[in-house]
Amino acid sequence: MKMNGRTVLITGGTSGIGLEFAKQLTARGNTVIVTGRSPERLEAAQQAIQGLHAFESDVSNPASVESLYEIVSNRFPLLDTLVNNAGTMRNIKLGQQYELSDLTTEIDGNLKGPMWMIQAFLPLLRRRKGSLIVNVSSGLAFIPFPASPVYSASKAAIHAYTRCLRAQLEDSSVSVVELAPPGTETPLFRGEFAEEMKGERGMDVSVLVKHAIEGIEAGKPEIRPGLSNLLKIASRVAPHFMFRQMVKLGRPESSTPM
């Protein structure tokens, strides 16, 4: 599947992996549309990438998803690629108190959001031969990171959902790909985890997206660059050992056993 001459919609396309997808896919001659919640970031993305189309939208809000579908289906009826990239990652201490609705916000954006986007846009995608859905999960879908429990759960769920979606669309015109990034140098990766990361370096975002595009063109249904592939293998052959390593990684140096 060639990633040229396509019409691509990328959620969460104003920073990190989504913005890099927009840059590389625009450079390949695709028509690229990005969404985000911040008007300022949408404007900055358009200034940075010539010809980029941008719309304010929140995947965690079903009404916003439906409104986006109306806009995109009217203005870009040849849409053939959906990249579900929007999401958040939070450092949550489960022993602390949270408002119940606040505790699960990552489920709304990381899991419900892609499901709602696919449900809304699938009729449009099915009209086009060779259409593509890319769901961005995480290496943490295979081995969870205790410092980010709800994020890890959401990505394990989107991994399972993507497998089911692929099976159900197997005989259709729509291909389904899962991209499971390792830790990647993005604002999301660095935002709340500086203490836990202890100076660990993530994959360069441009390298990650290059791997992703190459994997899509090679026909891979599941793309697991770098450490993500190790986590997938370890989840089968040494799950307890690898999880203990993640526990150690997620424990700040200043913490003491309880």
C-alpha atoms as a PDB file:
ATOM      1  CA  MET A   1       0.000   0.000   0.000  1.00  0.00           C
ATOM      2  CA  LYS A   2       1.618   3.233  -1.149  1.00  0.00           C
ATOM      3  CA  MET A   3       1.383   6.261   1.114  1.00  0.00           C
ATOM      4  CA  ASN A   4       1.262   8.769  -1.722  1.00  0.00           C
ATOM      5  CA  GLY A   5      -1.617  10.662  -3.271  1.00  0.00           C
ATOM      6  CA  ARG A   6      -3.979   9.844  -0.433  1.00  0.00           C
ATOM      7  CA  THR A   7      -6.381  11.967   1.621  1.00  0.00           C
ATOM      8  CA  VAL A   8      -5.433  11.511   5.258  1.00  0.00           C
ATOM      9  CA  LEU A   9      -7.172  12.560   8.480  1.00  0.00           C
ATOM     10  CA  ILE A  10      -4.964  12.578  11.595  1.00  0.00           C
ATOM     11  CA  THR A  11      -6.449  13.140  15.045  1.00  0.00           C
ATOM     12  CA  GLY A  12      -4.193  14.839  17.559  1.00  0.00           C
ATOM     13  CA  GLY A  13      -2.131  16.207  14.695  1.00  0.00           C
ATOM     14  CA  THR A  14      -0.789  19.398  16.248  1.00  0.00           C
ATOM     15  CA  SER A  15       2.175  17.952  18.149  1.00  0.00           C
ATOM     16  CA  GLY A  16       4.295  14.859  18.650  1.00  0.00           C
ATOM     17  CA  ILE A  17       3.619  11.793  16.535  1.00  0.00           C
ATOM     18  CA  GLY A  18       0.558  13.276  14.838  1.00  0.00           C
ATOM     19  CA  LEU A  19       2.353  16.420  13.702  1.00  0.00           C
ATOM     20  CA  GLU A  20       5.297  14.380  12.413  1.00  0.00           C
ATOM     21  CA  PHE A  21       2.887  12.153  10.470  1.00  0.00           C
ATOM     22  CA  ALA A  22       1.410  15.314   8.958  1.00  0.00           C
ATOM     23  CA  LYS A  23       4.861  16.598   7.946  1.00  0.00           C
ATOM     24  CA  GLN A  24       6.049  13.372   6.354  1.00  0.00           C
ATOM     25  CA  LEU A  25       2.767  12.548   4.625  1.00  0.00           C
ATOM     26  CA  THR A  26       2.421  16.076   3.230  1.00  0.00           C
ATOM     27  CA  ALA A  27       5.960  15.827   1.865  1.00  0.00           C
ATOM     28  CA  ARG A  28       4.887  12.653   0.043  1.00  0.00           C
ATOM     29  CA  GLY A  29       2.150  14.461  -1.846  1.00  0.00           C
ATOM     30  CA  ASN A  30      -0.834  13.513   0.295  1.00  0.00           C
ATOM     31  CA  THR A  31      -3.734  15.776   1.211  1.00  0.00           C
ATOM     32  CA  VAL A  32      -3.484  15.938   5.000  1.00  0.00           C
ATOM     33  CA  ILE A  33      -6.090  17.030   7.527  1.00  0.00           C
ATOM     34  CA  VAL A  34      -5.296  17.319  11.233  1.00  0.00           C
ATOM     35  CA  THR A  35      -7.507  17.837  14.257  1.00  0.00           C
ATOM     36  CA  GLY A  36      -6.808  19.140  17.724  1.00  0.00           C
ATOM     37  CA  ARG A  37      -8.434  20.931  20.636  1.00  0.00           C
ATOM     38  CA  SER A  38      -6.250  24.048  20.658  1.00  0.00           C
ATOM     39  CA  PRO A  39      -6.919  26.742  18.010  1.00  0.00           C
ATOM     40  CA  GLU A  40      -3.447  28.166  18.653  1.00  0.00           C
ATOM     41  CA  ARG A  41      -1.742  24.832  17.996  1.00  0.00           C
ATOM     42  CA  LEU A  42      -3.861  24.227  14.903  1.00  0.00           C
ATOM     43  CA  GLU A  43      -2.790  27.600  13.524  1.00  0.00           C
ATOM     44  CA  ALA A  44       0.856  26.888  14.354  1.00  0.00           C
ATOM     45  CA  ALA A  45       0.666  23.517  12.571  1.00  0.00           C
ATOM     46  CA  GLN A  46      -0.737  25.166   9.447  1.00  0.00           C
ATOM     47  CA  GLN A  47       2.035  27.738   9.518  1.00  0.00           C
ATOM     48  CA  ALA A  48       4.641  25.003   9.841  1.00  0.00           C
ATOM     49  CA  ILE A  49       3.256  22.764   7.077  1.00  0.00           C
ATOM     50  CA  GLN A  50       2.254  24.353   3.806  1.00  0.00           C
ATOM     51  CA  GLY A  51      -1.116  23.165   2.506  1.00  0.00           C
ATOM     52  CA  LEU A  52      -2.181  21.514   5.766  1.00  0.00           C
ATOM     53  CA  HIS A  53      -5.891  21.500   6.584  1.00  0.00           C
ATOM     54  CA  ALA A  54      -6.812  21.826  10.258  1.00  0.00           C
ATOM     55  CA  PHE A  55     -10.039  21.615  12.259  1.00  0.00           C
ATOM     56  CA  GLU A  56     -10.787  22.020  15.935  1.00  0.00           C
ATOM     57  CA  SER A  57     -12.228  18.770  17.269  1.00  0.00           C
ATOM     58  CA  ASP A  58     -12.233  16.683  20.449  1.00  0.00           C
ATOM     59  CA  VAL A  59     -12.329  12.908  19.949  1.00  0.00           C
ATOM     60  CA  SER A  60     -13.507  12.407  23.539  1.00  0.00           C
ATOM     61  CA  ASN A  61     -16.760  14.204  22.694  1.00  0.00           C
ATOM     62  CA  PRO A  62     -19.190  12.227  20.470  1.00  0.00           C
ATOM     63  CA  ALA A  63     -20.939  15.411  19.301  1.00  0.00           C
ATOM     64  CA  SER A  64     -17.590  16.853  18.222  1.00  0.00           C
ATOM     65  CA  VAL A  65     -16.795  13.662  16.288  1.00  0.00           C
ATOM     66  CA  GLU A  66     -20.146  13.812  14.508  1.00  0.00           C
ATOM     67  CA  SER A  67     -19.619  17.479  13.639  1.00  0.00           C
ATOM     68  CA  LEU A  68     -16.146  16.694  12.277  1.00  0.00           C
ATOM     69  CA  TYR A  69     -17.601  13.947  10.091  1.00  0.00           C
ATOM     70  CA  GLU A  70     -20.080  16.364   8.541  1.00  0.00           C
ATOM     71  CA  ILE A  71     -17.317  18.835   7.731  1.00  0.00           C
ATOM     72  CA  VAL A  72     -14.810  16.312   6.379  1.00  0.00           C
ATOM     73  CA  SER A  73     -17.278  14.220   4.384  1.00  0.00           C
ATOM     74  CA  ASN A  74     -18.500  17.358   2.603  1.00  0.00           C
ATOM     75  CA  ARG A  75     -15.121  18.969   1.981  1.00  0.00           C
ATOM     76  CA  PHE A  76     -13.002  15.832   1.498  1.00  0.00           C
ATOM     77  CA  PRO A  77     -15.263  13.128   0.019  1.00  0.00           C
ATOM     78  CA  LEU A  78     -12.183  11.238  -1.228  1.00  0.00           C
ATOM     79  CA  LEU A  79     -10.926  10.571   2.305  1.00  0.00           C
ATOM     80  CA  ASP A  80      -9.242   7.152   2.330  1.00  0.00           C
ATOM     81  CA  THR A  81      -7.004   7.175   5.413  1.00  0.00           C
ATOM     82  CA  LEU A  82      -7.785   7.700   9.097  1.00  0.00           C
ATOM     83  CA  VAL A  83      -4.976   7.876  11.663  1.00  0.00           C
ATOM     84  CA  ASN A  84      -6.326   7.651  15.218  1.00  0.00           C
ATOM     85  CA  ASN A  85      -3.471   9.275  17.075  1.00  0.00           C
ATOM     86  CA  ALA A  86      -5.062  11.635  19.628  1.00  0.00           C
ATOM     87  CA  GLY A  87      -4.550  10.662  23.235  1.00  0.00           C
ATOM     88  CA  THR A  88      -3.225  11.589  26.638  1.00  0.00           C
ATOM     89  CA  MET A  89      -0.905   9.888  29.121  1.00  0.00           C
ATOM     90  CA  ARG A  90      -1.064  10.721  32.813  1.00  0.00           C
ATOM     91  CA  ASN A  91       0.939   9.819  35.861  1.00  0.00           C
ATOM     92  CA  ILE A  92      -1.710   8.474  38.244  1.00  0.00           C
ATOM     93  CA  LYS A  93      -1.168   7.320  41.815  1.00  0.00           C
ATOM     94  CA  LEU A  94      -4.067   4.940  42.415  1.00  0.00           C
ATOM     95  CA  GLY A  95      -3.747   5.241  46.177  1.00  0.00           C
ATOM     96  CA  GLN A  96      -4.688   8.934  45.980  1.00  0.00           C
ATOM     97  CA  GLN A  97      -8.175  10.396  45.683  1.00  0.00           C
ATOM     98  CA  TYR A  98      -9.580  11.337  42.241  1.00  0.00           C
ATOM     99  CA  GLU A  99     -12.945  12.464  41.022  1.00  0.00           C
ATOM    100  CA  LEU A 100     -14.387   9.380  39.319  1.00  0.00           C
ATOM    101  CA  SER A 101     -14.922  11.141  35.988  1.00  0.00           C
ATOM    102  CA  ASP A 102     -11.393  12.600  36.076  1.00  0.00           C
ATOM    103  CA  LEU A 103      -9.805   9.221  36.779  1.00  0.00           C
ATOM    104  CA  THR A 104     -10.992   7.777  33.456  1.00  0.00           C
ATOM    105  CA  THR A 105     -10.441  10.679  31.051  1.00  0.00           C
ATOM    106  CA  GLU A 106      -7.749   8.683  29.240  1.00  0.00           C
ATOM    107  CA  ILE A 107     -10.343   6.031  28.445  1.00  0.00           C
ATOM    108  CA  ASP A 108     -12.513   8.684  26.789  1.00  0.00           C
ATOM    109  CA  GLY A 109      -9.740   9.998  24.536  1.00  0.00           C
ATOM    110  CA  ASN A 110      -7.532   6.959  23.983  1.00  0.00           C
ATOM    111  CA  LEU A 111     -10.191   4.267  23.622  1.00  0.00           C
ATOM    112  CA  LYS A 112     -13.658   5.671  23.113  1.00  0.00           C
ATOM    113  CA  GLY A 113     -12.318   8.366  20.785  1.00  0.00           C
ATOM    114  CA  PRO A 114     -10.875   5.995  18.149  1.00  0.00           C
ATOM    115  CA  MET A 115     -13.963   3.787  18.392  1.00  0.00           C
ATOM    116  CA  TRP A 116     -16.241   6.787  17.793  1.00  0.00           C
ATOM    117  CA  MET A 117     -14.054   8.086  14.945  1.00  0.00           C
ATOM    118  CA  ILE A 118     -14.099   4.716  13.195  1.00  0.00           C
ATOM    119  CA  GLN A 119     -17.825   4.275  13.655  1.00  0.00           C
ATOM    120  CA  ALA A 120     -18.453   7.743  12.207  1.00  0.00           C
ATOM    121  CA  PHE A 121     -16.001   7.606   9.302  1.00  0.00           C
ATOM    122  CA  LEU A 122     -16.180   3.958   8.259  1.00  0.00           C
ATOM    123  CA  PRO A 123     -19.058   4.479   5.784  1.00  0.00           C
ATOM    124  CA  LEU A 124     -16.978   7.143   4.015  1.00  0.00           C
ATOM    125  CA  LEU A 125     -13.820   5.016   4.041  1.00  0.00           C
ATOM    126  CA  ARG A 126     -15.631   1.985   2.644  1.00  0.00           C
ATOM    127  CA  ARG A 127     -16.486   3.919  -0.503  1.00  0.00           C
ATOM    128  CA  ARG A 128     -12.810   4.069  -1.448  1.00  0.00           C
ATOM    129  CA  LYS A 129     -10.744   1.155  -2.678  1.00  0.00           C
ATOM    130  CA  GLY A 130      -7.592   0.634  -0.642  1.00  0.00           C
ATOM    131  CA  SER A 131      -8.718   2.628   2.382  1.00  0.00           C
ATOM    132  CA  LEU A 132      -6.718   2.493   5.590  1.00  0.00           C
ATOM    133  CA  ILE A 133      -7.270   2.867   9.326  1.00  0.00           C
ATOM    134  CA  VAL A 134      -4.204   3.295  11.552  1.00  0.00           C
ATOM    135  CA  ASN A 135      -4.771   2.988  15.300  1.00  0.00           C
ATOM    136  CA  VAL A 136      -1.894   4.264  17.420  1.00  0.00           C
ATOM    137  CA  SER A 137      -1.586   2.115  20.522  1.00  0.00           C
ATOM    138  CA  SER A 138       1.654   1.720  22.499  1.00  0.00           C
ATOM    139  CA  GLY A 139       4.278  -0.800  23.518  1.00  0.00           C
ATOM    140  CA  LEU A 140       2.527  -0.541  26.888  1.00  0.00           C
ATOM    141  CA  ALA A 141      -0.378  -2.427  25.343  1.00  0.00           C
ATOM    142  CA  PHE A 142       1.788  -5.546  25.799  1.00  0.00           C
ATOM    143  CA  ILE A 143       3.469  -4.831  29.162  1.00  0.00           C
ATOM    144  CA  PRO A 144       1.831  -2.114  31.306  1.00  0.00           C
ATOM    145  CA  PHE A 145       3.685   0.751  32.980  1.00  0.00           C
ATOM    146  CA  PRO A 146       2.502   0.995  36.615  1.00  0.00           C
ATOM    147  CA  ALA A 147       3.099   4.765  36.763  1.00  0.00           C
ATOM    148  CA  SER A 148       0.467   5.214  34.060  1.00  0.00           C
ATOM    149  CA  PRO A 149      -2.156   2.558  34.789  1.00  0.00           C
ATOM    150  CA  VAL A 150      -5.180   4.014  33.003  1.00  0.00           C
ATOM    151  CA  TYR A 151      -3.151   4.866  29.903  1.00  0.00           C
ATOM    152  CA  SER A 152      -1.734   1.330  29.838  1.00  0.00           C
ATOM    153  CA  ALA A 153      -5.216  -0.122  30.190  1.00  0.00           C
ATOM    154  CA  SER A 154      -6.572   2.069  27.392  1.00  0.00           C
ATOM    155  CA  LYS A 155      -3.794   0.998  25.027  1.00  0.00           C
ATOM    156  CA  ALA A 156      -4.218  -2.701  25.847  1.00  0.00           C
ATOM    157  CA  ALA A 157      -7.898  -2.244  25.045  1.00  0.00           C
ATOM    158  CA  ILE A 158      -7.271  -0.452  21.739  1.00  0.00           C
ATOM    159  CA  HIS A 159      -4.886  -3.280  20.806  1.00  0.00           C
ATOM    160  CA  ALA A 160      -7.657  -5.841  21.387  1.00  0.00           C
ATOM    161  CA  TYR A 161     -10.230  -3.687  19.599  1.00  0.00           C
ATOM    162  CA  THR A 162      -7.951  -3.212  16.589  1.00  0.00           C
ATOM    163  CA  ARG A 163      -7.468  -6.971  16.221  1.00  0.00           C
ATOM    164  CA  CYS A 164     -11.234  -7.460  16.248  1.00  0.00           C
ATOM    165  CA  LEU A 165     -11.786  -4.601  13.793  1.00  0.00           C
ATOM    166  CA  ARG A 166      -9.219  -6.071  11.414  1.00  0.00           C
ATOM    167  CA  ALA A 167     -10.917  -9.460  11.541  1.00  0.00           C
ATOM    168  CA  GLN A 168     -14.349  -7.980  10.882  1.00  0.00           C
ATOM    169  CA  LEU A 169     -13.126  -5.855   7.953  1.00  0.00           C
ATOM    170  CA  GLU A 170     -10.954  -8.591   6.463  1.00  0.00           C
ATOM    171  CA  ASP A 171     -13.074  -8.956   3.319  1.00  0.00           C
ATOM    172  CA  SER A 172     -13.733  -5.239   2.875  1.00  0.00           C
ATOM    173  CA  SER A 173     -11.831  -2.483   1.073  1.00  0.00           C
ATOM    174  CA  VAL A 174     -10.452  -1.173   4.384  1.00  0.00           C
ATOM    175  CA  SER A 175      -7.106  -2.297   5.813  1.00  0.00           C
ATOM    176  CA  VAL A 176      -6.477  -1.943   9.548  1.00  0.00           C
ATOM    177  CA  VAL A 177      -2.999  -1.283  10.929  1.00  0.00           C
ATOM    178  CA  GLU A 178      -1.853  -0.906  14.521  1.00  0.00           C
ATOM    179  CA  LEU A 179       1.155   1.266  15.285  1.00  0.00           C
ATOM    180  CA  ALA A 180       2.548   0.512  18.758  1.00  0.00           C
ATOM    181  CA  PRO A 181       5.217   3.138  19.462  1.00  0.00           C
ATOM    182  CA  PRO A 182       7.890   2.673  22.104  1.00  0.00           C
ATOM    183  CA  GLY A 183       8.720   5.606  24.365  1.00  0.00           C
ATOM    184  CA  THR A 184       9.089   8.469  21.897  1.00  0.00           C
ATOM    185  CA  GLU A 185      10.556  11.943  22.377  1.00  0.00           C
ATOM    186  CA  THR A 186       7.315  13.911  22.412  1.00  0.00           C
ATOM    187  CA  PRO A 187       5.667  16.335  24.879  1.00  0.00           C
ATOM    188  CA  LEU A 188       3.402  13.468  25.991  1.00  0.00           C
ATOM    189  CA  PHE A 189       6.395  11.267  26.855  1.00  0.00           C
ATOM    190  CA  ARG A 190       8.154  13.955  28.839  1.00  0.00           C
ATOM    191  CA  GLY A 191       5.179  15.745  30.353  1.00  0.00           C
ATOM    192  CA  GLU A 192       4.610  14.032  33.716  1.00  0.00           C
ATOM    193  CA  PHE A 193       7.289  11.361  33.798  1.00  0.00           C
ATOM    194  CA  ALA A 194      10.644  13.148  34.119  1.00  0.00           C
ATOM    195  CA  GLU A 195      11.270  11.664  37.563  1.00  0.00           C
ATOM    196  CA  GLU A 196      10.331   8.125  36.543  1.00  0.00           C
ATOM    197  CA  MET A 197      12.286   8.190  33.284  1.00  0.00           C
ATOM    198  CA  LYS A 198      15.554   8.957  35.111  1.00  0.00           C
ATOM    199  CA  GLY A 199      17.142  10.306  31.941  1.00  0.00           C
ATOM    200  CA  GLU A 200      15.926   7.485  29.670  1.00  0.00           C
ATOM    201  CA  ARG A 201      15.779   8.529  26.028  1.00  0.00           C
ATOM    202  CA  GLY A 202      12.895   7.768  23.738  1.00  0.00           C
ATOM    203  CA  MET A 203      12.903   7.122  20.000  1.00  0.00           C
ATOM    204  CA  ASP A 204      13.158  10.208  17.821  1.00  0.00           C
ATOM    205  CA  VAL A 205       9.682  10.995  16.530  1.00  0.00           C
ATOM    206  CA  SER A 206      10.830  11.363  12.913  1.00  0.00           C
ATOM    207  CA  VAL A 207      12.414   7.904  13.058  1.00  0.00           C
ATOM    208  CA  LEU A 208       9.236   6.435  14.520  1.00  0.00           C
ATOM    209  CA  VAL A 209       7.019   7.864  11.785  1.00  0.00           C
ATOM    210  CA  LYS A 210       9.461   6.756   9.103  1.00  0.00           C
ATOM    211  CA  HIS A 211       9.259   3.197  10.492  1.00  0.00           C
ATOM    212  CA  ALA A 212       5.465   3.488  10.562  1.00  0.00           C
ATOM    213  CA  ILE A 213       5.155   4.564   6.929  1.00  0.00           C
ATOM    214  CA  GLU A 214       7.601   1.902   5.786  1.00  0.00           C
ATOM    215  CA  GLY A 215       5.657  -0.725   7.742  1.00  0.00           C
ATOM    216  CA  ILE A 216       2.353   0.351   6.220  1.00  0.00           C
ATOM    217  CA  GLU A 217       3.796   0.224   2.716  1.00  0.00           C
ATOM    218  CA  ALA A 218       5.235  -3.225   3.450  1.00  0.00           C
ATOM    219  CA  GLY A 219       1.775  -4.475   4.410  1.00  0.00           C
ATOM    220  CA  LYS A 220       2.452  -5.059   8.107  1.00  0.00           C
ATOM    221  CA  PRO A 221      -0.763  -5.237  10.162  1.00  0.00           C
ATOM    222  CA  GLU A 222       1.101  -4.500  13.417  1.00  0.00           C
ATOM    223  CA  ILE A 223       4.088  -2.161  13.503  1.00  0.00           C
ATOM    224  CA  ARG A 224       6.242  -2.361  16.646  1.00  0.00           C
ATOM    225  CA  PRO A 225       9.427  -0.272  16.333  1.00  0.00           C
ATOM    226  CA  GLY A 226      12.305  -0.618  18.767  1.00  0.00           C
ATOM    227  CA  LEU A 227      11.458  -1.473  22.362  1.00  0.00           C
ATOM    228  CA  SER A 228       7.818  -2.145  21.490  1.00  0.00           C
ATOM    229  CA  ASN A 229       8.813  -5.305  19.649  1.00  0.00           C
ATOM    230  CA  LEU A 230      10.786  -6.460  22.683  1.00  0.00           C
ATOM    231  CA  LEU A 231       7.770  -5.803  24.921  1.00  0.00           C
ATOM    232  CA  LYS A 232       5.540  -7.841  22.607  1.00  0.00           C
ATOM    233  CA  ILE A 233       7.978 -10.785  22.668  1.00  0.00           C
ATOM    234  CA  ALA A 234       8.502 -10.487  26.425  1.00  0.00           C
ATOM    235  CA  SER A 235       4.741 -10.499  27.014  1.00  0.00           C
ATOM    236  CA  ARG A 236       4.791 -14.066  25.677  1.00  0.00           C
ATOM    237  CA  VAL A 237       8.052 -15.514  26.940  1.00  0.00           C
ATOM    238  CA  ALA A 238       8.800 -13.617  30.184  1.00  0.00           C
ATOM    239  CA  PRO A 239       5.831 -11.458  31.166  1.00  0.00           C
ATOM    240  CA  HIS A 240       6.466 -11.417  34.930  1.00  0.00           C
ATOM    241  CA  PHE A 241      10.154 -10.532  34.588  1.00  0.00           C
ATOM    242  CA  MET A 242       9.479  -7.674  32.153  1.00  0.00           C
ATOM    243  CA  PHE A 243       6.650  -6.298  34.264  1.00  0.00           C
ATOM    244  CA  ARG A 244       8.965  -6.167  37.265  1.00  0.00           C
ATOM    245  CA  GLN A 245      11.411  -4.139  35.184  1.00  0.00           C
ATOM    246  CA  MET A 246       8.604  -1.714  34.363  1.00  0.00           C
ATOM    247  CA  VAL A 247       7.763  -1.501  38.057  1.00  0.00           C
ATOM    248  CA  LYS A 248      11.370  -0.535  38.811  1.00  0.00           C
ATOM    249  CA  LEU A 249      11.441   2.005  35.983  1.00  0.00           C
ATOM    250  CA  GLY A 250       8.266   3.626  37.239  1.00  0.00           C
ATOM    251  CA  ARG A 251       9.447   3.932  40.830  1.00  0.00           C
ATOM    252  CA  PRO A 252      11.057   7.339  41.446  1.00  0.00           C
ATOM    253  CA  GLU A 253      14.521   7.161  42.949  1.00  0.00           C
ATOM    254  CA  SER A 254      13.348   9.173  45.939  1.00  0.00           C
ATOM    255  CA  SER A 255      10.558   6.740  46.788  1.00  0.00           C
ATOM    256  CA  THR A 256      10.816   4.274  49.620  1.00  0.00           C
ATOM    257  CA  PRO A 257       9.100   0.892  49.946  1.00  0.00           C
ATOM    258  CA  MET A 258       5.736   1.023  51.711  1.00  0.00           C
END
